Protein backbone atom coordinates (compact mmCIF):
# COMPACT_ATOMS: atom_id res chain seq x y z
CA MET A 1 -72.86 -6.96 3.89
CA ASP A 2 -69.49 -7.52 5.64
CA ARG A 3 -66.53 -8.89 3.78
CA TRP A 4 -67.05 -12.47 5.12
CA GLN A 5 -70.70 -12.42 4.07
CA ALA A 6 -69.59 -11.15 0.64
CA VAL A 7 -67.02 -13.91 0.09
CA GLU A 8 -69.39 -16.62 1.32
CA ALA A 9 -71.95 -15.42 -1.17
CA ILE A 10 -69.53 -15.91 -4.02
CA PHE A 11 -67.70 -18.93 -2.70
CA PRO A 12 -69.66 -21.70 -4.43
CA HIS A 13 -68.99 -19.87 -7.89
CA VAL A 14 -65.38 -19.47 -7.04
CA MET A 15 -65.06 -23.05 -6.04
CA GLU A 16 -66.52 -24.10 -9.32
CA LEU A 17 -64.13 -21.86 -11.24
CA ARG A 18 -61.19 -23.58 -9.51
CA ARG A 19 -62.72 -26.97 -10.39
CA SER A 20 -63.13 -26.06 -13.95
CA PHE A 21 -59.51 -24.83 -14.16
CA HIS A 22 -58.43 -28.11 -12.48
CA ARG A 23 -60.18 -30.25 -15.05
CA HIS A 24 -58.59 -28.46 -17.98
CA PRO A 25 -54.93 -27.86 -17.20
CA GLU A 26 -52.65 -26.56 -19.97
CA LEU A 27 -48.90 -26.29 -20.10
CA ALA A 28 -46.76 -23.18 -20.41
CA PHE A 29 -47.56 -20.92 -23.36
CA GLU A 30 -50.49 -23.35 -24.30
CA GLU A 31 -53.05 -21.81 -21.98
CA VAL A 32 -55.70 -21.00 -24.64
CA GLU A 33 -58.65 -22.66 -22.98
CA THR A 34 -57.57 -21.45 -19.56
CA ALA A 35 -57.44 -17.83 -20.93
CA ARG A 36 -60.84 -18.31 -22.56
CA MET A 37 -62.38 -19.37 -19.13
CA VAL A 38 -60.73 -16.30 -17.45
CA MET A 39 -62.03 -13.93 -20.05
CA ALA A 40 -65.53 -15.44 -19.90
CA GLU A 41 -65.54 -14.71 -16.04
CA LEU A 42 -64.24 -11.13 -16.46
CA ARG A 43 -66.95 -10.41 -19.07
CA ARG A 44 -69.60 -11.88 -16.68
CA LEU A 45 -68.28 -9.45 -14.03
CA GLY A 46 -68.30 -6.52 -16.43
CA VAL A 47 -64.47 -6.18 -16.13
CA PRO A 48 -62.82 -4.86 -19.33
CA TYR A 49 -59.65 -6.75 -20.31
CA GLU A 50 -56.90 -7.22 -22.89
CA TYR A 51 -55.72 -10.57 -24.24
CA THR A 52 -52.47 -10.72 -26.24
CA GLY A 53 -53.42 -14.10 -27.75
CA PRO A 54 -52.08 -17.73 -27.44
CA GLY A 55 -48.96 -17.66 -25.30
CA GLY A 56 -49.93 -14.33 -23.80
CA GLY A 57 -51.65 -13.03 -20.72
CA VAL A 58 -55.10 -11.68 -19.68
CA VAL A 59 -55.21 -8.33 -17.88
CA GLY A 60 -58.44 -6.98 -16.49
CA HIS A 61 -59.05 -3.44 -15.28
CA ILE A 62 -61.26 -2.49 -12.31
CA VAL A 63 -61.39 1.29 -12.26
CA GLY A 64 -62.86 3.45 -9.38
CA ASP A 65 -60.92 6.57 -10.17
CA ASP A 66 -59.00 7.30 -13.24
CA GLU A 67 -56.74 9.72 -11.26
CA GLY A 68 -56.07 7.31 -8.30
CA PRO A 69 -53.12 4.85 -7.77
CA VAL A 70 -52.67 1.81 -9.97
CA VAL A 71 -52.11 -1.63 -8.21
CA ALA A 72 -51.63 -4.94 -9.85
CA LEU A 73 -52.63 -8.39 -8.61
CA ARG A 74 -51.19 -11.56 -10.28
CA ALA A 75 -52.10 -15.19 -10.79
CA GLU A 76 -50.57 -17.79 -13.05
CA MET A 77 -52.44 -19.98 -15.69
CA ASP A 78 -50.08 -22.75 -16.51
CA ALA A 79 -50.08 -26.39 -15.21
CA LEU A 80 -47.36 -29.11 -15.00
CA PRO A 81 -46.60 -32.17 -17.12
CA ALA A 82 -47.83 -34.73 -14.63
CA GLU A 83 -50.35 -37.53 -14.45
CA GLU A 84 -52.79 -36.77 -11.71
CA LYS A 85 -53.21 -39.24 -8.69
CA THR A 86 -55.69 -37.30 -6.58
CA ASP A 87 -58.91 -39.23 -7.17
CA LEU A 88 -60.85 -35.97 -7.19
CA PRO A 89 -64.19 -36.05 -8.94
CA PHE A 90 -62.88 -33.04 -10.92
CA ALA A 91 -59.45 -34.46 -11.71
CA SER A 92 -57.51 -33.46 -14.85
CA GLU A 93 -59.22 -34.41 -18.07
CA ASN A 94 -56.06 -33.75 -20.08
CA ARG A 95 -53.76 -36.66 -19.92
CA GLY A 96 -50.24 -35.98 -18.68
CA ARG A 97 -51.07 -32.52 -17.44
CA MET A 98 -52.15 -31.44 -14.03
CA HIS A 99 -52.47 -28.36 -11.83
CA ALA A 100 -50.06 -29.79 -9.22
CA CYS A 101 -48.85 -26.36 -8.05
CA GLY A 102 -52.10 -24.69 -7.15
CA HIS A 103 -52.35 -22.28 -10.10
CA ASP A 104 -56.02 -23.30 -10.46
CA ALA A 105 -56.59 -22.00 -6.88
CA HIS A 106 -54.62 -18.84 -7.56
CA MET A 107 -56.71 -18.00 -10.70
CA ALA A 108 -60.01 -18.77 -8.77
CA MET A 109 -58.89 -16.53 -5.84
CA LEU A 110 -58.03 -13.60 -8.07
CA LEU A 111 -61.37 -13.84 -9.95
CA GLY A 112 -63.09 -13.92 -6.57
CA ALA A 113 -61.23 -10.80 -5.49
CA ALA A 114 -62.15 -9.17 -8.91
CA ALA A 115 -65.84 -9.85 -8.05
CA LEU A 116 -65.49 -8.25 -4.65
CA LEU A 117 -63.59 -5.27 -5.95
CA LYS A 118 -65.92 -4.74 -8.84
CA THR A 119 -69.00 -4.48 -6.44
CA ASP A 120 -67.22 -1.53 -4.70
CA PRO A 121 -64.13 -0.24 -6.77
CA PRO A 122 -61.50 1.39 -4.71
CA PRO A 123 -60.29 4.97 -5.58
CA GLY A 124 -57.85 4.04 -8.26
CA GLU A 125 -57.28 1.16 -10.72
CA VAL A 126 -56.72 -2.52 -9.92
CA ARG A 127 -55.18 -4.52 -12.71
CA VAL A 128 -55.83 -8.29 -12.39
CA VAL A 129 -53.05 -10.03 -14.21
CA PHE A 130 -53.37 -13.70 -15.31
CA GLN A 131 -49.91 -14.57 -16.74
CA PRO A 132 -48.74 -17.58 -18.84
CA ALA A 133 -45.84 -19.78 -18.15
CA GLU A 134 -44.69 -19.39 -14.64
CA GLU A 135 -43.45 -22.94 -14.37
CA GLN A 136 -41.27 -22.76 -17.37
CA GLY A 137 -40.40 -19.94 -19.65
CA GLY A 138 -40.74 -16.90 -17.49
CA GLY A 139 -44.12 -15.73 -18.54
CA ALA A 140 -43.80 -12.71 -16.29
CA ARG A 141 -41.60 -11.25 -18.96
CA VAL A 142 -44.40 -11.58 -21.50
CA ILE A 143 -46.57 -9.46 -19.27
CA LEU A 144 -43.82 -6.86 -18.80
CA ASP A 145 -43.00 -6.72 -22.45
CA SER A 146 -46.68 -6.14 -23.42
CA GLY A 147 -46.66 -2.96 -21.35
CA ALA A 148 -49.43 -4.29 -19.19
CA LEU A 149 -47.77 -2.93 -16.00
CA ALA A 150 -47.18 0.67 -17.29
CA GLY A 151 -48.09 3.05 -14.54
CA VAL A 152 -48.43 0.29 -11.96
CA GLN A 153 -47.19 1.47 -8.56
CA ALA A 154 -47.30 -1.81 -6.61
CA ILE A 155 -47.81 -5.45 -7.47
CA PHE A 156 -48.83 -8.38 -5.22
CA GLY A 157 -49.01 -12.17 -5.65
CA GLY A 158 -49.18 -15.34 -3.54
CA HIS A 159 -48.98 -19.13 -3.53
CA VAL A 160 -50.74 -21.90 -1.69
CA THR A 161 -48.83 -24.27 0.44
CA HIS A 162 -49.27 -27.32 2.69
CA HIS A 163 -46.56 -26.00 5.03
CA HIS A 164 -49.21 -24.26 6.96
CA ALA A 165 -52.96 -24.78 7.82
CA THR A 166 -55.84 -23.22 5.83
CA GLY A 167 -56.60 -19.80 7.29
CA GLU A 168 -52.93 -18.93 7.88
CA ILE A 169 -51.06 -16.32 5.67
CA MET A 170 -47.21 -16.12 5.65
CA VAL A 171 -45.57 -12.75 4.88
CA LYS A 172 -41.77 -12.39 4.72
CA ASP A 173 -39.52 -9.41 4.50
CA GLY A 174 -36.65 -9.53 1.88
CA ILE A 175 -35.72 -12.69 -0.01
CA VAL A 176 -38.57 -14.96 -0.46
CA THR A 177 -37.25 -17.40 -3.15
CA ALA A 178 -33.81 -18.14 -4.59
CA GLN A 179 -31.93 -17.50 -7.81
CA SER A 180 -32.12 -20.59 -10.01
CA ASP A 181 -29.50 -21.67 -12.54
CA ILE A 182 -29.23 -24.85 -14.51
CA PHE A 183 -25.97 -26.49 -15.66
CA HIS A 184 -25.41 -28.90 -18.39
CA VAL A 185 -22.08 -31.03 -18.55
CA ARG A 186 -20.92 -33.03 -21.54
CA ILE A 187 -17.89 -35.24 -21.16
CA THR A 188 -16.03 -36.65 -24.05
CA GLY A 189 -13.39 -39.37 -23.42
CA SER A 190 -12.54 -42.33 -25.45
CA GLY A 191 -14.23 -45.67 -25.30
CA GLY A 192 -12.81 -49.13 -25.12
CA HIS A 193 -13.19 -52.69 -23.98
CA GLY A 194 -14.06 -53.22 -20.35
CA ALA A 195 -11.11 -55.72 -20.07
CA ARG A 196 -8.58 -53.02 -21.24
CA PRO A 197 -9.22 -49.79 -19.36
CA HIS A 198 -5.61 -48.56 -19.95
CA GLU A 199 -6.66 -48.04 -23.62
CA ALA A 200 -9.52 -45.74 -22.93
CA THR A 201 -10.60 -42.57 -21.13
CA ASP A 202 -13.59 -43.64 -18.98
CA ALA A 203 -16.39 -41.02 -19.11
CA VAL A 204 -18.17 -42.91 -16.20
CA VAL A 205 -15.16 -42.45 -13.82
CA ILE A 206 -14.92 -38.75 -14.75
CA LEU A 207 -18.71 -38.31 -14.39
CA GLY A 208 -18.57 -39.95 -10.94
CA MET A 209 -15.73 -37.93 -9.73
CA LEU A 210 -17.31 -34.70 -10.91
CA ILE A 211 -20.58 -35.56 -9.30
CA THR A 212 -18.81 -36.12 -5.93
CA ALA A 213 -16.60 -33.00 -6.26
CA LEU A 214 -19.59 -30.81 -6.90
CA GLN A 215 -20.94 -31.42 -3.36
CA THR A 216 -18.03 -29.42 -2.00
CA LEU A 217 -19.36 -26.35 -3.84
CA VAL A 218 -21.85 -25.84 -1.06
CA SER A 219 -19.78 -27.14 1.88
CA ARG A 220 -16.55 -25.29 0.91
CA SER A 221 -17.32 -22.58 -1.63
CA ALA A 222 -20.55 -21.08 -0.25
CA ASN A 223 -20.87 -18.84 2.72
CA PRO A 224 -22.93 -21.03 5.27
CA LEU A 225 -25.01 -18.09 6.27
CA HIS A 226 -26.65 -18.01 2.89
CA PRO A 227 -28.82 -20.94 1.94
CA THR A 228 -27.37 -22.70 -1.23
CA VAL A 229 -28.15 -26.02 -3.00
CA VAL A 230 -26.32 -27.84 -5.86
CA THR A 231 -28.37 -30.76 -7.16
CA VAL A 232 -27.44 -33.06 -10.01
CA GLY A 233 -30.77 -34.14 -11.34
CA ARG A 234 -29.81 -36.33 -14.25
CA ALA A 235 -26.61 -38.25 -15.18
CA ALA A 236 -26.14 -40.66 -18.07
CA ALA A 237 -23.17 -42.62 -19.57
CA GLY A 238 -22.39 -45.98 -21.10
CA SER A 239 -24.23 -48.46 -23.25
CA ALA A 240 -23.18 -52.00 -22.04
CA ALA A 241 -21.65 -53.71 -19.05
CA ASN A 242 -18.35 -54.55 -20.96
CA VAL A 243 -17.86 -51.31 -22.79
CA ILE A 244 -16.03 -48.34 -21.38
CA ALA A 245 -18.11 -45.29 -22.09
CA GLU A 246 -16.76 -42.69 -24.35
CA ASP A 247 -19.36 -39.98 -23.59
CA GLY A 248 -21.22 -38.97 -20.43
CA GLU A 249 -23.41 -36.14 -19.52
CA MET A 250 -25.30 -34.68 -16.55
CA GLU A 251 -27.40 -31.67 -15.62
CA GLY A 252 -28.54 -30.15 -12.44
CA THR A 253 -29.68 -26.97 -10.72
CA ILE A 254 -27.98 -24.37 -8.57
CA ARG A 255 -30.06 -22.46 -6.04
CA THR A 256 -28.52 -19.40 -4.25
CA THR A 257 -29.79 -16.42 -2.17
CA ASP A 258 -26.85 -14.19 -2.40
CA ARG A 259 -25.11 -12.75 -5.51
CA GLU A 260 -21.59 -13.17 -4.21
CA VAL A 261 -22.22 -16.73 -3.23
CA ARG A 262 -23.75 -17.44 -6.69
CA SER A 263 -20.58 -16.03 -8.35
CA HIS A 264 -18.30 -18.28 -6.12
CA VAL A 265 -20.47 -21.44 -6.90
CA LEU A 266 -20.55 -20.79 -10.69
CA GLU A 267 -16.87 -20.13 -10.80
CA GLY A 268 -16.16 -23.25 -8.76
CA LEU A 269 -18.21 -25.27 -11.16
CA ARG A 270 -16.20 -23.93 -14.11
CA ARG A 271 -12.98 -24.62 -12.32
CA MET A 272 -13.89 -28.14 -11.37
CA ALA A 273 -14.86 -28.96 -14.94
CA GLY A 274 -11.66 -27.56 -16.32
CA ALA A 275 -9.47 -29.36 -13.75
CA MET A 276 -11.35 -32.75 -14.15
CA ALA A 277 -10.78 -32.41 -17.98
CA GLU A 278 -7.09 -31.81 -17.47
CA LEU A 279 -6.70 -34.51 -14.90
CA HIS A 280 -8.12 -37.25 -17.14
CA GLY A 281 -7.08 -35.89 -20.62
CA ALA A 282 -10.85 -35.60 -21.61
CA ARG A 283 -12.97 -32.85 -23.03
CA ILE A 284 -15.61 -31.41 -20.72
CA ASP A 285 -18.12 -28.84 -22.16
CA LEU A 286 -20.11 -26.83 -19.59
CA ASP A 287 -23.18 -24.73 -20.35
CA LEU A 288 -24.86 -22.65 -17.80
CA GLU A 289 -28.45 -21.48 -18.26
CA GLU A 290 -29.48 -18.59 -16.04
CA GLY A 291 -32.82 -19.00 -14.40
CA TYR A 292 -35.23 -16.85 -12.39
CA PRO A 293 -33.71 -14.22 -10.22
CA PRO A 294 -34.28 -14.16 -6.53
CA LEU A 295 -37.62 -12.83 -5.39
CA VAL A 296 -37.12 -9.97 -2.98
CA ASN A 297 -40.12 -8.33 -1.28
CA THR A 298 -39.86 -4.56 -0.95
CA PRO A 299 -40.24 -3.10 2.60
CA ARG A 300 -43.24 -0.80 2.13
CA GLU A 301 -45.19 -3.33 0.19
CA THR A 302 -44.39 -6.06 2.57
CA SER A 303 -45.80 -4.04 5.36
CA ILE A 304 -48.96 -3.48 3.33
CA ALA A 305 -49.21 -7.21 2.64
CA ARG A 306 -48.87 -7.87 6.31
CA ARG A 307 -51.56 -5.37 7.28
CA ALA A 308 -53.88 -7.01 4.74
CA ALA A 309 -53.18 -10.36 6.21
CA LEU A 310 -53.91 -9.21 9.75
CA THR A 311 -57.16 -7.77 8.57
CA VAL A 312 -58.29 -11.01 6.88
CA VAL A 313 -56.96 -13.70 9.38
CA GLY A 314 -55.79 -11.83 12.53
CA GLN A 315 -52.61 -11.87 14.43
CA GLN A 316 -52.81 -15.52 15.49
CA ALA A 317 -52.89 -16.62 11.83
CA THR A 318 -50.34 -14.23 10.30
CA PHE A 319 -46.80 -15.67 10.17
CA GLU A 320 -43.34 -14.43 9.36
CA ASP A 321 -41.37 -17.12 7.44
CA GLU A 322 -37.92 -17.26 9.00
CA HIS A 323 -36.04 -18.51 5.95
CA PRO A 324 -36.46 -18.10 2.16
CA THR A 325 -37.45 -21.14 0.12
CA LEU A 326 -34.87 -22.40 -2.43
CA GLY A 327 -37.65 -22.84 -4.95
CA ALA A 328 -37.78 -20.17 -7.79
CA GLU A 329 -40.60 -17.94 -8.88
CA ASP A 330 -40.84 -15.65 -11.88
CA PHE A 331 -42.71 -13.15 -9.88
CA SER A 332 -39.19 -11.87 -9.25
CA TYR A 333 -39.14 -10.26 -12.73
CA TYR A 334 -41.96 -7.95 -11.71
CA LEU A 335 -40.21 -6.93 -8.50
CA GLU A 336 -37.10 -5.85 -10.50
CA GLN A 337 -39.31 -3.15 -12.08
CA VAL A 338 -42.24 -2.56 -9.67
CA PRO A 339 -42.33 -2.51 -5.79
CA GLY A 340 -44.43 -5.35 -4.45
CA ALA A 341 -44.70 -8.40 -2.19
CA TYR A 342 -45.39 -12.15 -2.47
CA VAL A 343 -47.09 -14.15 0.29
CA ARG A 344 -48.11 -17.74 1.04
CA PHE A 345 -51.54 -19.07 1.77
CA GLY A 346 -51.87 -22.01 4.12
CA ALA A 347 -53.97 -24.70 2.21
CA LEU A 348 -53.84 -27.73 4.38
CA ARG A 349 -57.11 -29.06 5.87
CA LYS A 350 -56.85 -30.22 9.52
CA GLY A 351 -56.10 -33.96 9.61
CA ASP A 352 -54.94 -34.19 6.04
CA THR A 353 -51.44 -35.45 5.06
CA PRO A 354 -49.23 -32.72 3.61
CA LYS A 355 -48.20 -33.13 -0.11
CA ALA A 356 -45.36 -31.52 -1.79
CA LEU A 357 -45.96 -28.92 -4.53
CA HIS A 358 -45.60 -30.65 -7.93
CA SER A 359 -46.71 -34.01 -6.43
CA PRO A 360 -49.31 -35.73 -8.64
CA GLU A 361 -51.24 -36.14 -5.31
CA PHE A 362 -51.26 -32.32 -4.50
CA SER A 363 -54.46 -30.48 -4.07
CA VAL A 364 -55.73 -27.79 -1.79
CA ASP A 365 -58.33 -27.36 0.87
CA GLU A 366 -60.84 -25.22 -1.12
CA GLU A 367 -61.50 -23.06 1.94
CA VAL A 368 -58.27 -21.31 0.97
CA LEU A 369 -60.11 -19.69 -1.84
CA LYS A 370 -62.01 -17.43 0.56
CA TYR A 371 -58.82 -16.32 2.45
CA GLY A 372 -56.97 -15.72 -0.86
CA ALA A 373 -59.82 -13.76 -2.44
CA LEU A 374 -60.16 -11.65 0.61
CA TRP A 375 -56.44 -11.04 0.94
CA PHE A 376 -56.17 -9.99 -2.72
CA GLU A 377 -59.17 -7.56 -2.28
CA GLU A 378 -57.77 -6.12 1.03
CA VAL A 379 -54.20 -5.67 -0.17
CA ALA A 380 -55.52 -3.72 -3.17
CA ARG A 381 -57.53 -1.51 -0.91
CA GLU A 382 -54.81 -1.06 1.59
CA THR A 383 -52.33 -0.08 -1.00
CA MET A 384 -54.72 2.50 -2.32
CA ARG A 385 -55.03 3.98 1.19
CA ASP A 386 -51.25 3.91 1.69
CA LEU A 387 -50.37 5.43 -1.73
CA ARG A 388 -53.00 8.19 -1.25
CA GLY A 389 -51.56 8.87 2.16
CA LYS A 390 -48.11 9.10 0.61
CA ALA A 391 -49.35 11.56 -1.83
């Protein structure tokens, strides 16, 4: 049986796995039922696994040779806090929770790959990693802290996207996603009557001026050759139309792809907050929360990932993304310790309208499950061949 016959044979089951995950989404570090479903499938396949309990991950072991290379493949288990609007017959049954980022598809793909690999284990060990809390909380660190990647020589992951059609796979050298940081600003002025502004220090005016000033962090502080974004996502001040606000606050995100640019932007934010406080005689407290580091594919593993994509979909459907996305991804934590690569799977059916990730209307063309399962299987086998050749 060739690889396409093999994946077609398991596709109905893989599709049902995806739909089961989709019906029962759980938020970060709450993936108890999701982990139970993953473990049930691994038991059905005869794949031994470890589970570290609620808030932890599930790691399966497919061993063909105890002395061979060790390769890890990763999928995420968590969903998002969103009310689904897809009208799918298998829509979320958990109110206010939805797999709006495709993690249901990723888990199904990886379980499909596990089925293919278990039938004919490669000469080494493949660890299938189902991690918690990618969306919030950096669940990759839970996997790393558990020691589940001890001895792993390469790790691979991927993500569905509507930016490309089903059957296309994108592989990129170097930076794939950005560094993410979050800032929180609290302004303390002095309130007063709207008719007597000279007796107050208006937090609304300070807030507005700071929001406007922040836009120059990208246009004047960041090297234009390195993609950078500063977004104010929330701002609040005031309680009534005729009251000058005493307090104001805002928070936002900074996305950078270069360490020096990040340093300039963060320093600029601190400088602006201090100057604005001095200018208006107010107090401004700034808190910075470091987010996920940039995800940087390593060269050898990127080449392996590309060869696997070529094997699965051919030259005409293998793409090189020109620019990194400014989204963030905690797969980056793995790549700080283990060589690896992260790809994207086109998941848009011909004729469908693209939907953004995290949209309550997001779903995938389920045909992508075949391509994802085959790529995960092939990248594991190709890595084994490459590492054995290196030895």
